[in-house]
């Protein structure tokens, strides 16, 4: 579990995130959502140590990440996997070489041991036979799966995903969501996801943190979000009339009143 307490960060005396406290649970998909400029990206960068917060504490399973020295942070980062928004693959390296890169950087395994690990994670993301392909030769969805394979090749305890469905069609996005959820539960990883994808919110939102203007505005899960009365959250999630109607229908369905409404509509419409 990762817990944060009163995290604050600003740039040029302008606050970006203020007093954010939350818990990101192990074995769960923890989502951070919010409009552009809400502070969610800065928060994630603080979590992984790319940015040092001005105030507050970040705890990784009881270890104070905020107060670690550089050597301790380096050791902790080996326990962290990252899935970048654009996959961030090396164009000049094959799929196999891209995935092996973290092993070359951080492990002392033999070549055979590294190859075995690469084969295993490629099999896990259903990319058998793609070892020798280059990024330019595979689809966007396959690139995301290569990114996921690389992010778990060191067997991390913590996985951070920055807009994992960016640039993907809805069907492929669902495949990636399903894969991230499966990996999270299988390996009991603490997974934190930055996303704008409302399908992800509804499909895999075990825990959801909604950021608004640098502050935590709402926290809950994908079921609770349907019934939320937070106006800012509802304006963000259900921006269109279509989605607002869908929310109303879902609320009726969950409450068991959907058949009652359908019967009434039939009476009114003859």
Protein backbone atom coordinates (compact mmCIF):
# COMPACT_ATOMS: atom_id res chain seq x y z
CA UNK A 1 0.00 0.00 0.00
CA UNK A 2 1.07 3.56 -0.70
CA UNK A 3 -0.22 6.29 1.57
CA UNK A 4 0.26 10.03 1.14
CA UNK A 5 -0.37 12.72 3.73
CA UNK A 6 -0.82 16.44 3.03
CA UNK A 7 1.21 16.44 -0.19
CA UNK A 8 1.79 19.92 -1.59
CA UNK A 9 3.76 21.12 -4.60
CA UNK A 10 4.03 24.44 -6.38
CA UNK A 11 6.11 26.08 -9.08
CA UNK A 12 7.20 29.73 -9.12
CA UNK A 13 5.17 30.36 -5.94
CA UNK A 14 2.03 29.04 -7.66
CA UNK A 15 0.48 26.04 -5.87
CA UNK A 16 -0.27 23.06 -8.12
CA UNK A 17 -1.35 20.49 -5.53
CA UNK A 18 -2.39 21.35 -1.98
CA UNK A 19 -2.79 19.13 1.06
CA UNK A 20 -3.63 15.89 -0.76
CA UNK A 21 -3.98 12.79 1.42
CA UNK A 22 -4.98 9.36 0.14
CA UNK A 23 -4.30 5.63 0.24
CA UNK A 24 -3.55 3.44 -2.78
CA UNK A 25 -4.37 -0.16 -1.91
CA UNK A 26 -2.38 -3.28 -2.77
CA UNK A 27 -3.98 -5.65 -5.28
CA UNK A 28 -6.31 -2.88 -6.47
CA UNK A 29 -6.47 -0.54 -9.46
CA UNK A 30 -6.21 2.93 -7.92
CA UNK A 31 -7.22 5.62 -10.39
CA UNK A 32 -6.38 9.33 -10.29
CA UNK A 33 -8.76 11.35 -12.44
CA UNK A 34 -9.35 15.02 -13.11
CA UNK A 35 -9.35 17.66 -15.83
CA UNK A 36 -6.15 18.90 -17.43
CA UNK A 37 -4.38 21.15 -14.95
CA UNK A 38 -5.99 19.50 -11.92
CA UNK A 39 -2.61 18.36 -10.57
CA UNK A 40 -2.91 14.61 -11.13
CA UNK A 41 0.24 14.33 -13.25
CA UNK A 42 2.29 16.33 -10.75
CA UNK A 43 0.94 14.11 -7.97
CA UNK A 44 2.03 10.96 -9.81
CA UNK A 45 5.49 12.44 -10.43
CA UNK A 46 5.76 13.11 -6.71
CA UNK A 47 4.74 9.53 -5.97
CA UNK A 48 7.52 8.04 -8.11
CA UNK A 49 10.17 10.54 -7.03
CA UNK A 50 10.50 12.49 -10.28
CA UNK A 51 9.45 15.61 -8.35
CA UNK A 52 10.12 16.35 -4.69
CA UNK A 53 6.99 17.65 -2.91
CA UNK A 54 7.24 20.89 -0.94
CA UNK A 55 5.40 19.33 1.99
CA UNK A 56 3.84 16.08 3.12
CA UNK A 57 4.87 12.44 3.33
CA UNK A 58 4.81 9.49 0.94
CA UNK A 59 4.88 6.04 2.54
CA UNK A 60 5.55 2.81 0.65
CA UNK A 61 4.33 -0.05 2.85
CA UNK A 62 5.51 1.76 5.96
CA UNK A 63 8.77 3.06 4.47
CA UNK A 64 9.02 6.85 4.31
CA UNK A 65 9.90 7.52 0.67
CA UNK A 66 9.92 11.28 1.26
CA UNK A 67 12.82 11.09 3.72
CA UNK A 68 14.96 8.47 1.96
CA UNK A 69 18.46 9.31 0.81
CA UNK A 70 19.40 8.91 -2.86
CA UNK A 71 20.72 5.36 -2.43
CA UNK A 72 17.59 4.19 -0.62
CA UNK A 73 15.37 5.81 -3.27
CA UNK A 74 17.35 4.04 -5.97
CA UNK A 75 16.67 0.70 -4.29
CA UNK A 76 12.97 1.56 -3.92
CA UNK A 77 12.68 2.53 -7.58
CA UNK A 78 13.71 -0.99 -8.52
CA UNK A 79 10.42 -2.10 -6.98
CA UNK A 80 8.49 0.33 -9.21
CA UNK A 81 7.23 -0.37 -12.73
CA UNK A 82 6.20 2.43 -15.09
CA UNK A 83 3.90 2.34 -18.10
CA UNK A 84 4.38 5.61 -19.95
CA UNK A 85 1.68 7.41 -21.92
CA UNK A 86 3.31 6.89 -25.32
CA UNK A 87 4.80 3.50 -24.31
CA UNK A 88 8.27 5.14 -24.67
CA UNK A 89 9.79 2.24 -26.58
CA UNK A 90 13.22 2.50 -28.18
CA UNK A 91 12.61 2.58 -31.94
CA UNK A 92 16.04 1.09 -32.68
CA UNK A 93 15.52 -1.90 -30.37
CA UNK A 94 13.37 -4.95 -30.95
CA UNK A 95 10.46 -5.84 -28.68
CA UNK A 96 12.70 -8.33 -26.91
CA UNK A 97 15.50 -5.78 -26.45
CA UNK A 98 13.07 -3.15 -25.16
CA UNK A 99 11.79 -5.50 -22.49
CA UNK A 100 15.27 -6.69 -21.56
CA UNK A 101 16.52 -3.12 -21.06
CA UNK A 102 15.47 -2.84 -17.35
CA UNK A 103 17.05 -6.24 -16.68
CA UNK A 104 20.32 -5.07 -18.24
CA UNK A 105 20.18 -1.90 -16.14
CA UNK A 106 19.15 -3.27 -12.75
CA UNK A 107 19.76 -7.01 -12.52
CA UNK A 108 22.83 -9.23 -12.41
CA UNK A 109 21.08 -12.22 -13.99
CA UNK A 110 22.74 -14.30 -16.65
CA UNK A 111 21.71 -13.85 -20.27
CA UNK A 112 19.72 -17.10 -20.13
CA UNK A 113 17.88 -15.97 -16.99
CA UNK A 114 17.03 -12.61 -18.59
CA UNK A 115 15.77 -14.33 -21.73
CA UNK A 116 13.57 -16.62 -19.66
CA UNK A 117 12.06 -13.63 -17.88
CA UNK A 118 11.46 -11.78 -21.18
CA UNK A 119 9.78 -14.86 -22.67
CA UNK A 120 7.57 -15.17 -19.59
CA UNK A 121 6.27 -11.59 -19.61
CA UNK A 122 5.74 -11.63 -23.39
CA UNK A 123 3.66 -14.76 -22.95
CA UNK A 124 1.71 -13.06 -20.15
CA UNK A 125 0.70 -10.13 -22.38
CA UNK A 126 -0.12 -12.48 -25.29
CA UNK A 127 2.75 -11.40 -27.55
CA UNK A 128 4.39 -14.73 -28.30
CA UNK A 129 6.32 -14.50 -31.57
CA UNK A 130 6.81 -10.73 -31.42
CA UNK A 131 10.34 -10.91 -29.97
CA UNK A 132 12.21 -9.76 -33.07
CA UNK A 133 9.75 -7.13 -34.29
CA UNK A 134 10.54 -3.43 -34.05
CA UNK A 135 8.05 -0.88 -32.62
CA UNK A 136 7.33 0.47 -36.12
CA UNK A 137 6.13 -3.00 -37.13
CA UNK A 138 3.45 -3.42 -34.46
CA UNK A 139 0.10 -1.76 -33.68
CA UNK A 140 -0.62 0.79 -30.98
CA UNK A 141 -2.29 -1.82 -28.80
CA UNK A 142 0.69 -4.15 -29.15
CA UNK A 143 3.04 -1.30 -28.20
CA UNK A 144 1.03 -0.80 -25.01
CA UNK A 145 1.33 -4.50 -24.23
CA UNK A 146 5.08 -4.34 -24.80
CA UNK A 147 5.14 -1.37 -22.41
CA UNK A 148 3.23 -3.40 -19.82
CA UNK A 149 5.60 -6.35 -20.28
CA UNK A 150 8.60 -4.08 -19.76
CA UNK A 151 6.99 -2.48 -16.69
CA UNK A 152 6.58 -5.87 -14.96
CA UNK A 153 9.78 -7.60 -16.11
CA UNK A 154 11.55 -6.71 -12.83
CA UNK A 155 8.60 -8.13 -10.87
CA UNK A 156 7.66 -4.79 -9.26
CA UNK A 157 5.60 -4.29 -6.13
CA UNK A 158 4.23 -1.01 -7.44
CA UNK A 159 2.98 -0.18 -10.94
CA UNK A 160 2.30 3.34 -12.23
CA UNK A 161 0.42 3.86 -15.50
CA UNK A 162 0.17 7.25 -17.17
CA UNK A 163 -2.86 7.39 -19.50
CA UNK A 164 -2.51 3.73 -20.57
CA UNK A 165 -5.36 4.00 -23.11
CA UNK A 166 -4.19 7.19 -24.78
CA UNK A 167 -4.50 6.91 -28.57
CA UNK A 168 -6.28 3.55 -28.50
CA UNK A 169 -9.69 2.63 -29.89
CA UNK A 170 -12.40 1.68 -27.34
CA UNK A 171 -12.14 -2.06 -27.93
CA UNK A 172 -8.34 -2.12 -27.54
CA UNK A 173 -8.66 0.09 -24.46
CA UNK A 174 -10.86 -2.54 -22.83
CA UNK A 175 -8.22 -5.19 -23.57
CA UNK A 176 -5.52 -3.07 -21.93
CA UNK A 177 -7.75 -2.36 -18.91
CA UNK A 178 -8.44 -6.07 -18.49
CA UNK A 179 -4.74 -6.90 -18.74
CA UNK A 180 -3.75 -4.28 -16.15
CA UNK A 181 -6.41 -5.53 -13.75
CA UNK A 182 -5.36 -9.16 -14.19
CA UNK A 183 -1.69 -8.37 -13.60
CA UNK A 184 -2.56 -6.26 -10.56
CA UNK A 185 -4.52 -9.06 -8.89
CA UNK A 186 -2.28 -11.95 -10.00
CA UNK A 187 0.92 -10.38 -8.69
CA UNK A 188 -0.74 -8.43 -5.85
CA UNK A 189 0.69 -5.13 -7.10
CA UNK A 190 -0.21 -1.66 -5.89
CA UNK A 191 -1.31 -0.12 -9.19
CA UNK A 192 -1.83 3.63 -9.64
CA UNK A 193 -3.31 4.90 -12.91
CA UNK A 194 -3.67 8.42 -14.27
CA UNK A 195 -6.53 8.44 -16.76
CA UNK A 196 -9.10 10.48 -18.66
CA UNK A 197 -10.84 7.31 -19.88
CA UNK A 198 -14.25 7.03 -18.28
CA UNK A 199 -14.55 3.41 -19.43
CA UNK A 200 -11.52 2.66 -17.26
CA UNK A 201 -13.14 4.46 -14.35
CA UNK A 202 -16.22 2.25 -14.58
CA UNK A 203 -14.45 -1.00 -15.50
CA UNK A 204 -11.43 -1.12 -13.19
CA UNK A 205 -11.89 1.73 -10.69
CA UNK A 206 -11.40 -0.16 -7.42
CA UNK A 207 -10.34 3.12 -5.80
CA UNK A 208 -10.79 6.52 -7.47
CA UNK A 209 -9.25 9.83 -6.46
CA UNK A 210 -10.80 12.86 -8.20
CA UNK A 211 -8.58 15.94 -8.30
CA UNK A 212 -9.98 19.43 -8.78
CA UNK A 213 -7.76 22.52 -8.97
CA UNK A 214 -4.94 20.83 -7.09
CA UNK A 215 -7.02 19.39 -4.26
CA UNK A 216 -8.71 16.06 -3.52
CA UNK A 217 -12.35 16.70 -4.32
CA UNK A 218 -13.78 13.17 -4.03
CA UNK A 219 -12.69 9.62 -3.27
CA UNK A 220 -14.56 6.35 -3.74
CA UNK A 221 -15.00 3.44 -6.17
CA UNK A 222 -16.71 2.79 -9.50
CA UNK A 223 -20.02 1.86 -7.84
CA UNK A 224 -20.09 4.84 -5.51
CA UNK A 225 -19.30 7.26 -8.32
CA UNK A 226 -22.69 6.54 -9.93
CA UNK A 227 -24.50 7.79 -6.84
CA UNK A 228 -22.18 10.68 -6.03
CA UNK A 229 -23.88 14.02 -5.41
CA UNK A 230 -20.63 15.95 -5.83
CA UNK A 231 -21.47 18.53 -8.50
CA UNK A 232 -17.89 19.04 -9.67
CA UNK A 233 -17.36 15.30 -10.06
CA UNK A 234 -20.65 14.82 -11.91
CA UNK A 235 -19.86 17.69 -14.27
CA UNK A 236 -16.53 16.06 -15.08
CA UNK A 237 -17.71 12.43 -15.42
CA UNK A 238 -21.12 12.99 -16.99
CA UNK A 239 -20.36 15.99 -19.19
CA UNK A 240 -22.81 15.21 -22.00
CA UNK A 241 -26.61 14.78 -21.89
CA UNK A 242 -26.14 11.22 -23.16
CA UNK A 243 -23.91 10.30 -20.22
CA UNK A 244 -26.23 12.05 -17.77
CA UNK A 245 -29.14 9.94 -19.08
CA UNK A 246 -26.96 6.82 -18.87
CA UNK A 247 -26.16 7.65 -15.24
CA UNK A 248 -29.87 8.07 -14.43
CA UNK A 249 -30.67 4.71 -16.03
CA UNK A 250 -27.81 3.01 -14.18
CA UNK A 251 -29.02 4.44 -10.87
CA UNK A 252 -32.50 3.10 -11.56
CA UNK A 253 -31.10 -0.29 -12.54
CA UNK A 254 -28.98 -0.58 -9.39
CA UNK A 255 -31.86 0.52 -7.19
CA UNK A 256 -34.17 -2.06 -8.80
CA UNK A 257 -36.53 0.52 -10.27
CA UNK A 258 -35.61 0.11 -13.94
CA UNK A 259 -38.60 -2.16 -14.72
CA UNK A 260 -40.92 0.29 -12.95
CA UNK A 261 -39.69 3.12 -15.20
CA UNK A 262 -40.01 1.01 -18.36
CA UNK A 263 -43.60 0.09 -17.48
CA UNK A 264 -44.44 3.74 -16.86
CA UNK A 265 -42.89 4.75 -20.20
CA UNK A 266 -44.95 2.10 -22.00
CA UNK A 267 -48.16 3.39 -20.39
CA UNK A 268 -47.38 7.00 -21.27
CA UNK A 269 -46.40 6.15 -24.86
CA UNK A 270 -49.30 3.81 -25.46
